[in-house]
Amino acid sequence: MESVKCLFCNNESKEVFWQENGYIGRKCHNCNLIYVSPRPEEKEMALLYKIGKAGGVSTKEHINYSYGKELIAKHALSIIKKYKTRGNILEVGSGGDNF
């Protein structure tokens, strides 16, 4: 694991915004980007993708969860529509690939 600074403005944040599956999301006080730090090093990530376990499930399992992902995306969009009724959205950092 390696500690990193904000990818946009290179500031370091100690604020823990969320924690999940051993990962820590930090919120930059300068630009409000939420990023993971510490994060797996490049070699660790390459291995996870090579063995098909990026995201904690196999590639086949990930594809099989498509119906559930669609439901999650619809729920997320219903929340977004309360604040933004028209226009485009951009998903930055695909995460669980719900969109």
Protein backbone atom coordinates (compact mmCIF):
# COMPACT_ATOMS: atom_id res chain seq x y z
CA MET A 1 0.00 0.00 0.00
CA GLU A 2 1.16 3.53 -0.72
CA SER A 3 -0.01 6.86 0.69
CA VAL A 4 -0.91 9.42 -1.96
CA LYS A 5 -1.99 13.05 -2.13
CA CYS A 6 -4.96 14.52 -3.98
CA LEU A 7 -4.68 13.65 -7.67
CA PHE A 8 -5.99 17.06 -8.74
CA CYS A 9 -4.22 19.60 -6.53
CA ASN A 10 -1.52 17.54 -4.75
CA ASN A 11 -2.76 18.45 -1.25
CA GLU A 12 -2.67 15.86 1.51
CA SER A 13 -5.78 15.15 3.58
CA LYS A 14 -5.95 13.32 6.89
CA GLU A 15 -9.77 13.51 6.96
CA VAL A 16 -11.39 10.09 6.68
CA PHE A 17 -14.51 10.51 4.55
CA TRP A 18 -15.42 6.79 4.36
CA GLN A 19 -13.97 3.36 5.05
CA GLU A 20 -14.90 0.18 3.21
CA ASN A 21 -13.26 -3.24 2.81
CA GLY A 22 -10.02 -1.99 4.34
CA TYR A 23 -9.82 1.10 2.10
CA ILE A 24 -9.95 4.70 3.33
CA GLY A 25 -11.53 7.49 1.31
CA ARG A 26 -10.16 10.93 2.07
CA LYS A 27 -11.67 14.28 1.11
CA CYS A 28 -9.39 17.03 -0.15
CA HIS A 29 -10.00 20.30 1.69
CA ASN A 30 -8.86 22.32 -1.33
CA CYS A 31 -10.88 20.84 -4.24
CA ASN A 32 -13.27 18.39 -2.48
CA LEU A 33 -12.05 15.36 -4.46
CA ILE A 34 -12.57 12.12 -2.58
CA TYR A 35 -9.68 9.73 -3.16
CA VAL A 36 -8.31 6.50 -1.71
CA SER A 37 -5.16 6.70 0.39
CA PRO A 38 -3.35 4.55 1.15
CA ARG A 39 -4.02 2.60 -2.02
CA PRO A 40 -2.62 -0.62 -3.48
CA GLU A 41 0.63 -0.18 -5.36
CA GLU A 42 0.65 -0.72 -9.11
CA LYS A 43 2.07 -4.26 -8.79
CA GLU A 44 -0.69 -5.23 -6.33
CA MET A 45 -3.42 -3.89 -8.61
CA ALA A 46 -1.94 -5.65 -11.66
CA LEU A 47 -2.01 -8.95 -9.77
CA LEU A 48 -5.65 -8.45 -8.70
CA TYR A 49 -6.68 -7.83 -12.29
CA LYS A 50 -4.55 -10.72 -13.58
CA ILE A 51 -6.22 -13.25 -11.28
CA GLY A 52 -9.64 -11.69 -11.93
CA LYS A 53 -10.21 -10.51 -8.36
CA ALA A 54 -10.26 -6.72 -8.72
CA GLY A 55 -13.18 -5.44 -6.69
CA GLY A 56 -13.27 -8.56 -4.50
CA VAL A 57 -15.11 -10.81 -6.96
CA SER A 58 -14.06 -12.76 -10.01
CA THR A 59 -14.60 -11.32 -13.49
CA LYS A 60 -17.30 -13.93 -14.14
CA GLU A 61 -19.12 -13.07 -10.90
CA HIS A 62 -18.89 -9.37 -11.76
CA ILE A 63 -20.58 -9.97 -15.13
CA ASN A 64 -23.25 -12.16 -13.52
CA TYR A 65 -24.23 -9.33 -11.15
CA SER A 66 -25.39 -7.14 -14.07
CA TYR A 67 -29.07 -7.13 -12.99
CA GLY A 68 -28.15 -6.04 -9.47
CA LYS A 69 -25.83 -3.36 -10.84
CA GLU A 70 -28.66 -2.06 -13.01
CA LEU A 71 -30.91 -1.74 -9.95
CA ILE A 72 -28.18 0.08 -8.04
CA ALA A 73 -27.67 2.48 -10.96
CA LYS A 74 -31.40 3.20 -11.21
CA HIS A 75 -31.55 3.91 -7.48
CA ALA A 76 -28.52 6.22 -7.69
CA LEU A 77 -30.07 8.09 -10.62
CA SER A 78 -33.32 8.57 -8.72
CA ILE A 79 -31.33 10.29 -5.96
CA ILE A 80 -29.36 12.41 -8.44
CA LYS A 81 -32.57 13.53 -10.19
CA LYS A 82 -33.73 15.16 -6.96
CA TYR A 83 -30.88 17.66 -7.36
CA LYS A 84 -30.25 17.69 -11.12
CA THR A 85 -33.28 17.23 -13.35
CA ARG A 86 -31.66 17.63 -16.77
CA GLY A 87 -28.29 17.58 -18.47
CA ASN A 88 -25.43 15.11 -18.46
CA ILE A 89 -23.54 13.41 -15.68
CA LEU A 90 -20.00 12.12 -15.73
CA GLU A 91 -19.00 9.13 -13.65
CA VAL A 92 -15.41 9.70 -12.56
CA GLY A 93 -13.65 6.59 -11.33
CA SER A 94 -15.82 3.69 -12.40
CA GLY A 95 -15.78 2.03 -9.00
CA GLY A 96 -18.27 -0.82 -9.10
CA ASP A 97 -19.23 -0.07 -12.70
CA ASN A 98 -22.87 0.63 -11.83
CA PHE A 99 -23.41 3.13 -14.62
